[in-house]
All heavy atoms as atom14 arrays in JSON, in Angstrom:
{
  "sequence": "RIIDVCHLVPLGDVRRGAAILAQTITYLP",
  "atom14_mask": [
    [1, 1, 1, 1, 1, 1, 1, 1, 1, 1, 1, 0, 0, 0],
    [1, 1, 1, 1, 1, 1, 1, 1, 0, 0, 0, 0, 0, 0],
    [1, 1, 1, 1, 1, 1, 1, 1, 0, 0, 0, 0, 0, 0],
    [1, 1, 1, 1, 1, 1, 1, 1, 0, 0, 0, 0, 0, 0],
    [1, 1, 1, 1, 1, 1, 1, 0, 0, 0, 0, 0, 0, 0],
    [1, 1, 1, 1, 1, 1, 0, 0, 0, 0, 0, 0, 0, 0],
    [1, 1, 1, 1, 1, 1, 1, 1, 1, 1, 0, 0, 0, 0],
    [1, 1, 1, 1, 1, 1, 1, 1, 0, 0, 0, 0, 0, 0],
    [1, 1, 1, 1, 1, 1, 1, 0, 0, 0, 0, 0, 0, 0],
    [1, 1, 1, 1, 1, 1, 1, 0, 0, 0, 0, 0, 0, 0],
    [1, 1, 1, 1, 1, 1, 1, 1, 0, 0, 0, 0, 0, 0],
    [1, 1, 1, 1, 0, 0, 0, 0, 0, 0, 0, 0, 0, 0],
    [1, 1, 1, 1, 1, 1, 1, 1, 0, 0, 0, 0, 0, 0],
    [1, 1, 1, 1, 1, 1, 1, 0, 0, 0, 0, 0, 0, 0],
    [1, 1, 1, 1, 1, 1, 1, 1, 1, 1, 1, 0, 0, 0],
    [1, 1, 1, 1, 1, 1, 1, 1, 1, 1, 1, 0, 0, 0],
    [1, 1, 1, 1, 0, 0, 0, 0, 0, 0, 0, 0, 0, 0],
    [1, 1, 1, 1, 1, 0, 0, 0, 0, 0, 0, 0, 0, 0],
    [1, 1, 1, 1, 1, 0, 0, 0, 0, 0, 0, 0, 0, 0],
    [1, 1, 1, 1, 1, 1, 1, 1, 0, 0, 0, 0, 0, 0],
    [1, 1, 1, 1, 1, 1, 1, 1, 0, 0, 0, 0, 0, 0],
    [1, 1, 1, 1, 1, 0, 0, 0, 0, 0, 0, 0, 0, 0],
    [1, 1, 1, 1, 1, 1, 1, 1, 1, 0, 0, 0, 0, 0],
    [1, 1, 1, 1, 1, 1, 1, 0, 0, 0, 0, 0, 0, 0],
    [1, 1, 1, 1, 1, 1, 1, 1, 0, 0, 0, 0, 0, 0],
    [1, 1, 1, 1, 1, 1, 1, 0, 0, 0, 0, 0, 0, 0],
    [1, 1, 1, 1, 1, 1, 1, 1, 1, 1, 1, 1, 0, 0],
    [1, 1, 1, 1, 1, 1, 1, 1, 0, 0, 0, 0, 0, 0],
    [1, 1, 1, 1, 1, 1, 1, 0, 0, 0, 0, 0, 0, 0]
  ],
  "atom14_positions": [
    [[0.86, -1.17, 0.02], [0.0, 0.0, 0.01], [0.91, 1.24, 0.0], [1.69, 1.4, 0.9], [-0.92, 0.01, 1.22], [-1.98, -1.1, 1.21], [-2.8, -1.03, 2.45], [-2.03, -1.36, 3.63], [-2.28, -0.92, 4.88], [-3.29, -0.13, 5.09], [-1.52, -1.28, 5.9], [0.0, 0.0, 0.0], [0.0, 0.0, 0.0], [0.0, 0.0, 0.0]],
    [[0.76, 2.06, -1.0], [1.6, 3.23, -1.16], [0.87, 4.49, -0.7], [-0.25, 4.75, -1.17], [2.08, 3.37, -2.63], [2.83, 2.11, -3.06], [3.01, 4.58, -2.73], [3.18, 2.11, -4.53], [0.0, 0.0, 0.0], [0.0, 0.0, 0.0], [0.0, 0.0, 0.0], [0.0, 0.0, 0.0], [0.0, 0.0, 0.0], [0.0, 0.0, 0.0]],
    [[1.5, 5.26, 0.16], [0.95, 6.51, 0.61], [1.83, 7.66, 0.08], [3.04, 7.67, 0.38], [0.89, 6.58, 2.17], [-0.01, 5.47, 2.72], [0.42, 7.95, 2.64], [-0.05, 5.4, 4.24], [0.0, 0.0, 0.0], [0.0, 0.0, 0.0], [0.0, 0.0, 0.0], [0.0, 0.0, 0.0], [0.0, 0.0, 0.0], [0.0, 0.0, 0.0]],
    [[1.28, 8.52, -0.68], [1.99, 9.67, -1.19], [1.88, 10.81, -0.17], [0.83, 11.43, -0.05], [1.44, 10.11, -2.53], [1.81, 9.1, -3.64], [2.98, 8.93, -3.92], [0.84, 8.47, -4.19], [0.0, 0.0, 0.0], [0.0, 0.0, 0.0], [0.0, 0.0, 0.0], [0.0, 0.0, 0.0], [0.0, 0.0, 0.0], [0.0, 0.0, 0.0]],
    [[2.96, 11.06, 0.54], [2.92, 12.09, 1.6], [2.9, 13.47, 0.95], [2.03, 14.29, 1.21], [4.16, 11.97, 2.52], [4.21, 13.11, 3.5], [4.12, 10.6, 3.25], [0.0, 0.0, 0.0], [0.0, 0.0, 0.0], [0.0, 0.0, 0.0], [0.0, 0.0, 0.0], [0.0, 0.0, 0.0], [0.0, 0.0, 0.0], [0.0, 0.0, 0.0]],
    [[3.87, 13.71, 0.06], [3.94, 14.99, -0.66], [4.98, 14.87, -1.75], [6.04, 14.31, -1.59], [4.35, 16.12, 0.32], [4.46, 17.75, -0.45], [0.0, 0.0, 0.0], [0.0, 0.0, 0.0], [0.0, 0.0, 0.0], [0.0, 0.0, 0.0], [0.0, 0.0, 0.0], [0.0, 0.0, 0.0], [0.0, 0.0, 0.0], [0.0, 0.0, 0.0]],
    [[4.65, 15.44, -2.92], [5.63, 15.49, -4.03], [5.83, 16.96, -4.49], [6.4, 17.17, -5.54], [5.19, 14.61, -5.18], [5.09, 13.17, -4.78], [6.16, 12.44, -4.36], [4.02, 12.34, -4.69], [5.8, 11.22, -4.06], [4.48, 11.14, -4.28], [0.0, 0.0, 0.0], [0.0, 0.0, 0.0], [0.0, 0.0, 0.0], [0.0, 0.0, 0.0]],
    [[5.35, 17.89, -3.7], [5.46, 19.32, -4.04], [6.36, 20.06, -3.06], [6.21, 21.27, -2.87], [4.04, 19.96, -4.09], [3.11, 19.41, -5.17], [1.75, 20.02, -5.07], [3.7, 19.62, -6.58], [0.0, 0.0, 0.0], [0.0, 0.0, 0.0], [0.0, 0.0, 0.0], [0.0, 0.0, 0.0], [0.0, 0.0, 0.0], [0.0, 0.0, 0.0]],
    [[7.27, 19.35, -2.41], [8.28, 20.0, -1.6], [9.04, 20.98, -2.51], [9.43, 20.56, -3.62], [9.25, 19.01, -0.97], [10.36, 19.73, -0.23], [8.51, 18.03, -0.02], [0.0, 0.0, 0.0], [0.0, 0.0, 0.0], [0.0, 0.0, 0.0], [0.0, 0.0, 0.0], [0.0, 0.0, 0.0], [0.0, 0.0, 0.0], [0.0, 0.0, 0.0]],
    [[9.23, 22.24, -2.15], [9.99, 23.14, -2.99], [11.35, 22.5, -3.36], [12.02, 21.9, -2.55], [10.19, 24.37, -2.12], [8.99, 24.35, -1.22], [8.74, 22.91, -0.92], [0.0, 0.0, 0.0], [0.0, 0.0, 0.0], [0.0, 0.0, 0.0], [0.0, 0.0, 0.0], [0.0, 0.0, 0.0], [0.0, 0.0, 0.0], [0.0, 0.0, 0.0]],
    [[11.72, 22.66, -4.6], [12.9, 21.96, -5.15], [14.1, 22.18, -4.27], [14.59, 23.28, -4.05], [13.19, 22.48, -6.57], [14.21, 21.72, -7.37], [13.76, 20.28, -7.6], [14.47, 22.42, -8.69], [0.0, 0.0, 0.0], [0.0, 0.0, 0.0], [0.0, 0.0, 0.0], [0.0, 0.0, 0.0], [0.0, 0.0, 0.0], [0.0, 0.0, 0.0]],
    [[14.65, 21.07, -3.74], [15.85, 21.09, -2.97], [15.71, 21.64, -1.55], [16.69, 21.76, -0.86], [0.0, 0.0, 0.0], [0.0, 0.0, 0.0], [0.0, 0.0, 0.0], [0.0, 0.0, 0.0], [0.0, 0.0, 0.0], [0.0, 0.0, 0.0], [0.0, 0.0, 0.0], [0.0, 0.0, 0.0], [0.0, 0.0, 0.0], [0.0, 0.0, 0.0]],
    [[14.47, 21.83, -1.1], [14.24, 22.41, 0.22], [14.21, 21.3, 1.27], [13.16, 20.8, 1.63], [12.91, 23.21, 0.25], [12.75, 24.09, 1.48], [13.46, 23.76, 2.53], [11.94, 25.01, 1.45], [0.0, 0.0, 0.0], [0.0, 0.0, 0.0], [0.0, 0.0, 0.0], [0.0, 0.0, 0.0], [0.0, 0.0, 0.0], [0.0, 0.0, 0.0]],
    [[15.42, 20.98, 1.77], [15.53, 19.86, 2.72], [14.79, 20.16, 4.01], [14.13, 19.27, 4.58], [17.03, 19.6, 3.01], [17.2, 18.57, 4.1], [17.73, 19.15, 1.72], [0.0, 0.0, 0.0], [0.0, 0.0, 0.0], [0.0, 0.0, 0.0], [0.0, 0.0, 0.0], [0.0, 0.0, 0.0], [0.0, 0.0, 0.0], [0.0, 0.0, 0.0]],
    [[14.84, 21.36, 4.48], [14.2, 21.74, 5.72], [12.68, 21.57, 5.64], [12.04, 21.06, 6.52], [14.57, 23.18, 6.09], [14.06, 23.65, 7.42], [14.42, 25.11, 7.6], [13.86, 25.66, 8.83], [14.48, 25.65, 9.99], [15.68, 25.12, 10.09], [13.94, 26.15, 11.09], [0.0, 0.0, 0.0], [0.0, 0.0, 0.0], [0.0, 0.0, 0.0]],
    [[12.11, 22.01, 4.52], [10.65, 21.92, 4.34], [10.29, 20.42, 4.26], [9.31, 20.0, 4.88], [10.23, 22.65, 3.07], [8.74, 22.5, 2.74], [7.88, 23.17, 3.77], [6.43, 23.05, 3.39], [5.45, 22.98, 4.25], [5.68, 23.02, 5.55], [4.21, 22.91, 3.82], [0.0, 0.0, 0.0], [0.0, 0.0, 0.0], [0.0, 0.0, 0.0]],
    [[11.05, 19.64, 3.52], [10.78, 18.21, 3.45], [10.87, 17.54, 4.81], [10.04, 16.71, 5.17], [0.0, 0.0, 0.0], [0.0, 0.0, 0.0], [0.0, 0.0, 0.0], [0.0, 0.0, 0.0], [0.0, 0.0, 0.0], [0.0, 0.0, 0.0], [0.0, 0.0, 0.0], [0.0, 0.0, 0.0], [0.0, 0.0, 0.0], [0.0, 0.0, 0.0]],
    [[11.86, 17.92, 5.59], [12.03, 17.36, 6.93], [10.85, 17.68, 7.82], [10.37, 16.86, 8.61], [13.32, 17.84, 7.56], [0.0, 0.0, 0.0], [0.0, 0.0, 0.0], [0.0, 0.0, 0.0], [0.0, 0.0, 0.0], [0.0, 0.0, 0.0], [0.0, 0.0, 0.0], [0.0, 0.0, 0.0], [0.0, 0.0, 0.0], [0.0, 0.0, 0.0]],
    [[10.37, 18.93, 7.73], [9.24, 19.31, 8.55], [7.97, 18.58, 8.19], [7.22, 18.12, 9.06], [9.01, 20.84, 8.43], [0.0, 0.0, 0.0], [0.0, 0.0, 0.0], [0.0, 0.0, 0.0], [0.0, 0.0, 0.0], [0.0, 0.0, 0.0], [0.0, 0.0, 0.0], [0.0, 0.0, 0.0], [0.0, 0.0, 0.0], [0.0, 0.0, 0.0]],
    [[7.7, 18.43, 6.88], [6.53, 17.71, 6.46], [6.57, 16.27, 6.92], [5.57, 15.74, 7.46], [6.39, 17.77, 4.92], [6.1, 19.2, 4.45], [5.28, 16.82, 4.42], [6.15, 19.39, 2.97], [0.0, 0.0, 0.0], [0.0, 0.0, 0.0], [0.0, 0.0, 0.0], [0.0, 0.0, 0.0], [0.0, 0.0, 0.0], [0.0, 0.0, 0.0]],
    [[7.7, 15.6, 6.74], [7.82, 14.19, 7.14], [7.66, 14.04, 8.64], [6.92, 13.16, 9.11], [9.15, 13.64, 6.66], [9.38, 12.15, 6.9], [8.33, 11.32, 6.19], [10.78, 11.77, 6.45], [0.0, 0.0, 0.0], [0.0, 0.0, 0.0], [0.0, 0.0, 0.0], [0.0, 0.0, 0.0], [0.0, 0.0, 0.0], [0.0, 0.0, 0.0]],
    [[8.31, 14.92, 9.42], [8.23, 14.79, 10.86], [6.82, 15.05, 11.41], [6.38, 14.38, 12.35], [9.21, 15.78, 11.53], [0.0, 0.0, 0.0], [0.0, 0.0, 0.0], [0.0, 0.0, 0.0], [0.0, 0.0, 0.0], [0.0, 0.0, 0.0], [0.0, 0.0, 0.0], [0.0, 0.0, 0.0], [0.0, 0.0, 0.0], [0.0, 0.0, 0.0]],
    [[6.09, 15.97, 10.74], [4.74, 16.31, 11.22], [3.71, 15.33, 10.72], [2.57, 15.36, 11.17], [4.41, 17.74, 10.81], [5.29, 18.77, 11.53], [5.09, 20.17, 10.99], [4.15, 20.48, 10.28], [6.02, 21.04, 11.35], [0.0, 0.0, 0.0], [0.0, 0.0, 0.0], [0.0, 0.0, 0.0], [0.0, 0.0, 0.0], [0.0, 0.0, 0.0]],
    [[4.09, 14.47, 9.79], [3.16, 13.48, 9.27], [3.37, 12.09, 9.84], [2.44, 11.29, 9.94], [3.33, 13.4, 7.71], [3.18, 14.68, 7.13], [2.3, 12.45, 7.1], [0.0, 0.0, 0.0], [0.0, 0.0, 0.0], [0.0, 0.0, 0.0], [0.0, 0.0, 0.0], [0.0, 0.0, 0.0], [0.0, 0.0, 0.0], [0.0, 0.0, 0.0]],
    [[4.61, 11.78, 10.28], [4.97, 10.4, 10.61], [4.1, 9.82, 11.74], [3.83, 8.65, 11.76], [6.47, 10.31, 10.94], [6.92, 8.85, 10.97], [6.79, 11.01, 12.26], [6.8, 8.11, 9.66], [0.0, 0.0, 0.0], [0.0, 0.0, 0.0], [0.0, 0.0, 0.0], [0.0, 0.0, 0.0], [0.0, 0.0, 0.0], [0.0, 0.0, 0.0]],
    [[3.65, 10.68, 12.65], [2.8, 10.22, 13.76], [1.54, 9.59, 13.25], [0.95, 8.71, 13.91], [2.5, 11.39, 14.7], [3.7, 11.97, 15.17], [1.68, 10.92, 15.89], [0.0, 0.0, 0.0], [0.0, 0.0, 0.0], [0.0, 0.0, 0.0], [0.0, 0.0, 0.0], [0.0, 0.0, 0.0], [0.0, 0.0, 0.0], [0.0, 0.0, 0.0]],
    [[1.07, 10.01, 12.1], [-0.21, 9.54, 11.57], [-0.06, 8.42, 10.53], [-1.05, 7.94, 10.0], [-0.97, 10.73, 10.94], [-1.15, 11.88, 11.93], [-0.25, 12.95, 11.89], [-2.11, 11.82, 12.9], [-0.39, 14.0, 12.79], [-2.25, 12.9, 13.84], [-1.37, 13.96, 13.78], [-1.48, 14.97, 14.69], [0.0, 0.0, 0.0], [0.0, 0.0, 0.0]],
    [[1.18, 8.04, 10.27], [1.38, 6.97, 9.3], [1.56, 5.62, 10.02], [2.15, 5.56, 11.1], [2.64, 7.27, 8.49], [2.61, 8.53, 7.59], [3.94, 8.69, 6.86], [1.45, 8.52, 6.62], [0.0, 0.0, 0.0], [0.0, 0.0, 0.0], [0.0, 0.0, 0.0], [0.0, 0.0, 0.0], [0.0, 0.0, 0.0], [0.0, 0.0, 0.0]],
    [[1.08, 4.55, 9.43], [1.25, 3.23, 10.02], [2.72, 2.78, 9.93], [3.52, 3.33, 9.17], [0.35, 2.33, 9.16], [0.25, 3.02, 7.86], [0.33, 4.49, 8.15], [0.0, 0.0, 0.0], [0.0, 0.0, 0.0], [0.0, 0.0, 0.0], [0.0, 0.0, 0.0], [0.0, 0.0, 0.0], [0.0, 0.0, 0.0], [0.0, 0.0, 0.0]]
  ]
}
């Protein structure tokens, strides 16, 4: 089962990607 968290992280924005993943992981199985 594939969950697409986000594919619109601003290009190369590691900090934004890190924030999205950290704030989402609690809700992922």
